[in-house]
N, C-alpha and C. Protein backbone atom coordinates (compact mmCIF):
# COMPACT_ATOMS: atom_id res chain seq x y z
N MET A 1 108.98 -51.32 149.64
CA MET A 1 109.63 -50.28 149.50
C MET A 1 108.84 -49.46 150.09
N MET A 2 109.83 -48.21 151.20
CA MET A 2 109.05 -47.40 152.06
C MET A 2 109.17 -45.81 151.73
N LYS A 3 108.27 -45.45 151.65
CA LYS A 3 107.97 -44.19 151.03
C LYS A 3 108.22 -42.65 152.30
N CYS A 4 108.38 -42.19 151.94
CA CYS A 4 108.53 -40.59 153.00
C CYS A 4 108.53 -39.27 152.97
N ALA A 5 107.68 -38.91 153.51
CA ALA A 5 107.43 -37.61 153.34
C ALA A 5 108.34 -36.70 154.15
N ALA A 6 108.86 -35.97 153.22
CA ALA A 6 110.04 -34.96 153.78
C ALA A 6 109.33 -33.85 155.02
N LYS A 7 108.34 -33.28 154.92
CA LYS A 7 107.75 -32.81 155.93
C LYS A 7 106.47 -32.51 156.45
N ILE A 8 106.24 -33.65 157.38
CA ILE A 8 105.08 -33.96 158.07
C ILE A 8 104.96 -33.10 159.22
N ASN A 9 103.55 -32.21 159.15
CA ASN A 9 103.15 -31.59 160.49
C ASN A 9 104.48 -30.64 160.86
N ALA A 10 105.02 -30.17 159.59
CA ALA A 10 105.78 -28.91 159.80
C ALA A 10 105.27 -27.68 160.39
N PRO A 11 105.59 -26.88 161.09
CA PRO A 11 105.15 -26.00 162.10
C PRO A 11 105.22 -24.43 160.79
N ALA A 12 104.36 -23.78 160.86
CA ALA A 12 104.33 -22.51 159.81
C ALA A 12 105.46 -21.62 160.16
N ILE A 13 106.11 -21.29 159.47
CA ILE A 13 107.45 -19.89 159.98
C ILE A 13 106.55 -18.97 159.78
N GLN A 14 107.22 -17.99 160.95
CA GLN A 14 106.42 -16.86 160.77
C GLN A 14 107.60 -15.61 160.35
N CYS A 15 106.79 -14.82 159.35
CA CYS A 15 107.96 -13.80 158.65
C CYS A 15 107.28 -12.32 158.68
N TYR A 16 107.87 -11.16 158.68
CA TYR A 16 107.54 -9.98 158.63
C TYR A 16 107.19 -9.62 157.26
N GLN A 17 105.73 -8.95 157.03
CA GLN A 17 105.28 -8.80 155.69
C GLN A 17 104.88 -7.65 155.66
N CYS A 18 105.61 -6.77 154.73
CA CYS A 18 105.31 -5.46 154.30
C CYS A 18 105.81 -5.20 152.79
N GLU A 19 105.61 -3.75 152.45
CA GLU A 19 106.38 -3.13 151.52
C GLU A 19 106.10 -1.56 151.73
N MET A 20 106.88 -0.94 152.45
CA MET A 20 107.09 0.20 152.59
C MET A 20 108.74 0.91 152.67
N THR A 21 108.46 2.22 153.32
CA THR A 21 109.67 2.95 152.96
C THR A 21 110.61 2.92 154.36
N HIS A 22 109.96 2.25 155.52
CA HIS A 22 110.65 1.99 156.27
C HIS A 22 110.84 0.66 156.98
N ASP A 23 111.77 0.29 158.38
CA ASP A 23 111.94 -0.83 158.18
C ASP A 23 110.97 -1.45 159.28
N CYS A 24 109.91 -2.42 158.57
CA CYS A 24 108.67 -2.58 158.87
C CYS A 24 108.79 -4.21 159.96
N SER A 25 109.37 -3.78 161.01
CA SER A 25 109.67 -5.14 162.12
C SER A 25 109.27 -4.73 163.47
N THR A 26 107.96 -4.61 163.46
CA THR A 26 106.95 -4.48 164.49
C THR A 26 106.06 -5.78 164.64
N PRO A 27 105.43 -6.12 165.80
CA PRO A 27 104.35 -7.05 165.52
C PRO A 27 103.29 -6.92 164.37
N GLU A 28 102.51 -5.92 164.30
CA GLU A 28 101.57 -5.77 163.33
C GLU A 28 102.01 -6.42 161.93
N PHE A 29 102.93 -6.39 161.91
CA PHE A 29 103.51 -6.86 160.42
C PHE A 29 103.70 -8.60 160.11
N ILE A 30 103.57 -9.33 161.19
CA ILE A 30 104.26 -10.35 161.58
C ILE A 30 102.69 -11.81 160.97
N VAL A 31 103.27 -12.34 160.05
CA VAL A 31 102.18 -13.24 159.48
C VAL A 31 102.86 -14.31 159.77
N ASN A 32 101.82 -15.64 159.65
CA ASN A 32 102.09 -17.02 159.27
C ASN A 32 102.10 -17.41 157.92
N CYS A 33 103.28 -18.13 157.62
CA CYS A 33 103.29 -18.52 156.27
C CYS A 33 102.61 -19.63 155.93
N THR A 34 102.56 -20.08 154.70
CA THR A 34 101.85 -21.46 154.37
C THR A 34 102.70 -22.66 154.80
N VAL A 35 102.10 -23.38 155.40
CA VAL A 35 102.89 -24.84 155.82
C VAL A 35 103.05 -25.12 154.74
N ASN A 36 104.59 -26.23 154.54
CA ASN A 36 104.83 -27.02 153.58
C ASN A 36 105.07 -26.19 152.16
N VAL A 37 104.55 -24.95 152.14
CA VAL A 37 104.96 -24.25 150.54
C VAL A 37 105.95 -23.00 150.98
N GLN A 38 105.79 -21.87 151.81
CA GLN A 38 106.57 -20.91 152.23
C GLN A 38 107.40 -21.17 152.99
N ASP A 39 108.61 -21.81 153.30
CA ASP A 39 109.76 -22.04 154.04
C ASP A 39 110.43 -21.33 154.43
N MET A 40 110.45 -19.97 153.96
CA MET A 40 111.93 -19.16 154.18
C MET A 40 110.95 -17.36 154.26
N CYS A 41 111.99 -16.63 154.90
CA CYS A 41 111.16 -15.16 154.94
C CYS A 41 112.16 -14.47 154.19
N GLN A 42 111.84 -13.35 153.12
CA GLN A 42 112.68 -12.90 151.90
C GLN A 42 112.80 -11.07 152.82
N LYS A 43 113.50 -10.77 152.34
CA LYS A 43 113.73 -9.49 152.74
C LYS A 43 114.35 -8.91 151.17
N GLU A 44 113.83 -8.00 151.00
CA GLU A 44 114.14 -6.99 149.82
C GLU A 44 114.59 -5.30 150.33
N VAL A 45 115.89 -5.00 150.08
CA VAL A 45 116.17 -3.51 150.37
C VAL A 45 116.27 -2.88 148.93
N LEU A 46 115.33 -2.24 148.77
CA LEU A 46 115.95 -1.16 147.61
C LEU A 46 116.21 0.04 147.76
N VAL A 47 117.34 0.67 147.24
CA VAL A 47 117.88 1.89 147.07
C VAL A 47 117.28 3.09 146.06
N LYS A 48 116.37 3.81 146.28
CA LYS A 48 115.73 4.66 145.13
C LYS A 48 116.17 6.01 145.35
N GLU A 49 115.84 6.80 144.57
CA GLU A 49 116.07 8.33 144.57
C GLU A 49 115.09 8.93 145.77
N ASP A 50 114.14 8.81 145.93
CA ASP A 50 113.44 8.89 147.08
C ASP A 50 113.77 8.19 148.66
N GLY A 51 114.69 7.71 148.82
CA GLY A 51 114.90 6.89 149.73
C GLY A 51 114.98 5.33 149.62
N VAL A 52 115.41 4.56 150.84
CA VAL A 52 115.63 2.92 151.02
C VAL A 52 113.56 2.58 151.00
N HIS A 53 113.76 1.80 150.34
CA HIS A 53 112.38 0.66 150.09
C HIS A 53 112.43 -0.83 150.64
N TYR A 54 111.47 -1.16 151.84
CA TYR A 54 111.74 -2.43 151.99
C TYR A 54 110.42 -3.23 151.50
N ARG A 55 110.84 -4.54 151.23
CA ARG A 55 109.87 -5.27 150.91
C ARG A 55 109.84 -6.68 151.66
N LYS A 56 109.30 -6.88 152.33
CA LYS A 56 109.25 -8.39 153.29
C LYS A 56 108.31 -9.38 153.10
N SER A 57 108.58 -10.72 153.21
CA SER A 57 107.50 -11.41 152.80
C SER A 57 107.96 -13.01 153.19
N CYS A 58 106.85 -13.73 153.50
CA CYS A 58 107.13 -15.37 153.28
C CYS A 58 107.51 -15.79 151.68
N ALA A 59 108.37 -16.79 151.49
CA ALA A 59 108.75 -17.28 150.18
C ALA A 59 108.96 -19.01 150.36
N SER A 60 108.88 -19.46 149.35
CA SER A 60 109.09 -20.27 149.07
C SER A 60 110.94 -20.64 149.19
N SER A 61 111.58 -21.54 149.43
CA SER A 61 113.27 -22.00 149.35
C SER A 61 113.34 -21.70 147.92
N GLY A 62 112.96 -22.41 147.03
CA GLY A 62 113.53 -22.29 145.54
C GLY A 62 113.28 -20.80 144.90
N ALA A 63 112.23 -20.36 145.38
CA ALA A 63 112.08 -19.00 144.64
C ALA A 63 112.70 -17.85 144.95
N CYS A 64 113.17 -17.84 146.57
CA CYS A 64 113.86 -17.17 147.29
C CYS A 64 115.21 -16.90 146.89
N LEU A 65 115.92 -18.51 146.85
CA LEU A 65 117.08 -18.38 146.46
C LEU A 65 117.51 -18.14 144.98
N ILE A 66 116.30 -18.26 144.13
CA ILE A 66 116.79 -17.91 142.85
C ILE A 66 117.05 -16.11 142.53
N ALA A 67 115.87 -16.09 143.19
CA ALA A 67 115.66 -14.39 143.28
C ALA A 67 117.06 -13.61 144.04
N SER A 68 117.44 -14.35 145.36
CA SER A 68 118.74 -13.59 145.79
C SER A 68 119.85 -13.96 145.01
N SER A 69 120.00 -14.72 144.23
CA SER A 69 121.42 -15.17 143.68
C SER A 69 121.01 -14.14 142.37
N GLY A 70 119.94 -14.07 141.78
CA GLY A 70 120.00 -13.17 140.53
C GLY A 70 120.19 -11.96 140.81
N TYR A 71 120.14 -11.53 142.03
CA TYR A 71 119.86 -10.24 142.34
C TYR A 71 121.46 -9.79 142.70
N GLN A 72 122.26 -10.80 143.22
CA GLN A 72 123.46 -10.49 144.00
C GLN A 72 124.28 -9.40 143.36
N GLN A 73 124.39 -9.28 141.89
CA GLN A 73 125.17 -8.27 141.39
C GLN A 73 124.79 -6.88 141.27
N PHE A 74 123.48 -6.75 141.74
CA PHE A 74 123.28 -5.61 141.81
C PHE A 74 122.70 -4.87 143.30
N CYS A 75 123.03 -5.56 144.48
CA CYS A 75 123.38 -5.11 145.57
C CYS A 75 124.32 -4.36 145.96
N THR A 76 124.51 -2.84 145.73
CA THR A 76 125.82 -2.86 146.01
C THR A 76 125.86 -1.53 146.98
N GLY A 77 124.29 -1.20 147.39
CA GLY A 77 124.34 -0.07 148.57
C GLY A 77 123.96 1.16 147.94
N LYS A 78 124.14 1.59 146.49
CA LYS A 78 124.20 2.77 145.85
C LYS A 78 123.07 3.18 145.36
N LEU A 79 122.46 4.06 144.59
CA LEU A 79 121.18 4.57 144.02
C LEU A 79 121.32 3.15 143.14
N ASN A 80 119.59 2.87 142.85
CA ASN A 80 118.85 1.80 142.13
C ASN A 80 119.81 0.29 142.64
N SER A 81 120.41 -0.01 143.87
CA SER A 81 120.59 -1.06 144.36
C SER A 81 119.68 -1.86 145.06
N VAL A 82 119.59 -3.27 144.69
CA VAL A 82 118.84 -4.03 144.82
C VAL A 82 119.13 -5.31 145.76
N CYS A 83 119.05 -5.45 147.24
CA CYS A 83 119.59 -6.56 147.85
C CYS A 83 118.41 -7.64 148.22
N ILE A 84 118.64 -8.33 147.90
CA ILE A 84 117.23 -9.56 148.23
C ILE A 84 118.23 -11.00 149.24
N SER A 85 117.50 -11.11 150.12
CA SER A 85 117.91 -11.94 151.08
C SER A 85 117.27 -12.96 151.40
N CYS A 86 117.61 -14.17 151.97
CA CYS A 86 116.41 -15.19 152.33
C CYS A 86 116.95 -15.82 153.87
N CYS A 87 116.21 -16.43 154.54
CA CYS A 87 116.47 -17.01 155.74
C CYS A 87 115.51 -17.75 156.08
N ASN A 88 115.58 -18.69 157.21
CA ASN A 88 114.40 -19.68 157.26
C ASN A 88 114.46 -19.92 159.05
N THR A 89 114.65 -18.99 160.03
CA THR A 89 114.05 -19.22 161.27
C THR A 89 113.11 -17.62 161.17
N PRO A 90 112.11 -17.90 162.27
CA PRO A 90 111.42 -17.26 163.00
C PRO A 90 111.86 -15.55 162.88
N LEU A 91 111.02 -14.79 161.81
CA LEU A 91 111.10 -13.38 161.89
C LEU A 91 112.47 -13.10 161.55
N CYS A 92 112.95 -13.77 160.78
CA CYS A 92 114.58 -13.45 160.62
C CYS A 92 114.77 -12.11 159.76
N ASN A 93 113.52 -12.28 158.59
CA ASN A 93 113.76 -10.97 157.68
C ASN A 93 113.64 -9.31 158.51
N GLY A 94 113.50 -9.42 159.75
CA GLY A 94 113.41 -8.19 160.63
C GLY A 94 114.63 -7.62 160.71
N PRO A 95 114.75 -6.67 161.79
CA PRO A 95 116.04 -6.02 161.85
C PRO A 95 117.48 -6.51 162.01
N ARG A 96 118.07 -6.14 161.77
CA ARG A 96 119.57 -6.65 161.49
C ARG A 96 120.00 -6.50 162.97
N GLN A 97 120.62 -7.96 163.15
CA GLN A 97 120.91 -7.97 164.49
C GLN A 97 122.58 -7.25 164.89
N LYS A 98 122.60 -7.29 166.01
CA LYS A 98 124.04 -6.59 166.45
C LYS A 98 124.86 -7.65 166.18
N LYS A 99 125.92 -7.23 165.73
CA LYS A 99 127.00 -8.01 165.24
C LYS A 99 127.44 -9.22 166.35
N ARG A 100 127.50 -10.29 165.45
CA ARG A 100 128.10 -11.61 166.56
C ARG A 100 129.03 -12.12 165.76
N PRO A 101 130.16 -13.11 166.40
CA PRO A 101 130.96 -13.69 165.47
C PRO A 101 130.14 -14.63 164.98
N GLN A 102 130.37 -14.89 163.70
CA GLN A 102 129.85 -16.16 163.31
C GLN A 102 130.75 -17.38 163.00
N PRO A 103 130.46 -18.49 163.16
CA PRO A 103 130.87 -19.63 163.25
C PRO A 103 131.65 -19.73 161.70
N SER A 104 130.91 -19.66 160.81
CA SER A 104 131.05 -19.68 159.22
C SER A 104 130.41 -18.45 158.72
N ALA A 105 131.03 -17.83 157.87
CA ALA A 105 130.36 -16.94 156.77
C ALA A 105 129.27 -17.60 155.50
N ALA A 106 129.40 -19.15 155.49
CA ALA A 106 128.79 -19.63 154.15
C ALA A 106 127.59 -20.21 155.16
N ILE A 107 127.59 -20.13 156.32
CA ILE A 107 126.19 -20.73 156.76
C ILE A 107 125.30 -19.92 156.92
N THR A 108 124.32 -20.26 155.93
CA THR A 108 122.81 -19.05 156.36
C THR A 108 121.77 -19.90 156.44
N LEU A 109 121.48 -20.92 156.06
CA LEU A 109 120.32 -21.78 156.32
C LEU A 109 121.27 -22.55 157.55
N ASN A 110 119.83 -22.68 158.68
CA ASN A 110 120.57 -23.14 159.87
C ASN A 110 118.95 -24.37 160.39
N THR A 111 118.34 -24.59 159.89
CA THR A 111 117.46 -25.66 160.00
C THR A 111 117.67 -27.22 159.75
N PRO A 112 117.62 -27.79 160.42
CA PRO A 112 118.20 -29.42 159.95
C PRO A 112 117.49 -30.00 158.96
N ARG A 113 117.77 -30.36 158.24
CA ARG A 113 117.14 -31.08 156.98
C ARG A 113 117.11 -32.41 157.46
N ARG A 114 115.46 -33.00 157.62
CA ARG A 114 115.44 -34.40 157.70
C ARG A 114 115.76 -35.33 156.46
N GLY A 115 116.01 -36.45 156.60
CA GLY A 115 116.24 -37.22 155.64
C GLY A 115 115.39 -38.33 156.04
N CYS A 116 115.20 -39.33 154.99
CA CYS A 116 114.54 -40.69 155.18
C CYS A 116 115.55 -41.80 155.40
N TYR A 117 114.85 -42.82 156.08
CA TYR A 117 116.38 -43.73 156.18
C TYR A 117 115.18 -44.56 156.26
N LEU A 118 115.80 -46.12 155.95
CA LEU A 118 115.26 -47.05 155.27
C LEU A 118 115.58 -48.63 156.35
């Protein structure tokens, strides 16, 4: 019987990491995430009385996807709004990219998944 390791020598993803009241997407906030543990970048945008707060970090896919789906109903853009997004490409939790046509709105994760073949 053949055993497979799903992620062998996977490179660390880089994400922005900060917690502040401005969008911290500059080189001094770039961190290397923990290899084989933190495979996504997470971005939280909170709208409070004193303004918009940003929280960016590395995250595990499981934790990030659960958090983002759990807060989806609170992502209104209004006061007390909490929006959490997850992505899996380098520095993807940075500033919003200029609008480009998307092939499909349902595609959010674009890293190919490696399977084991016997």
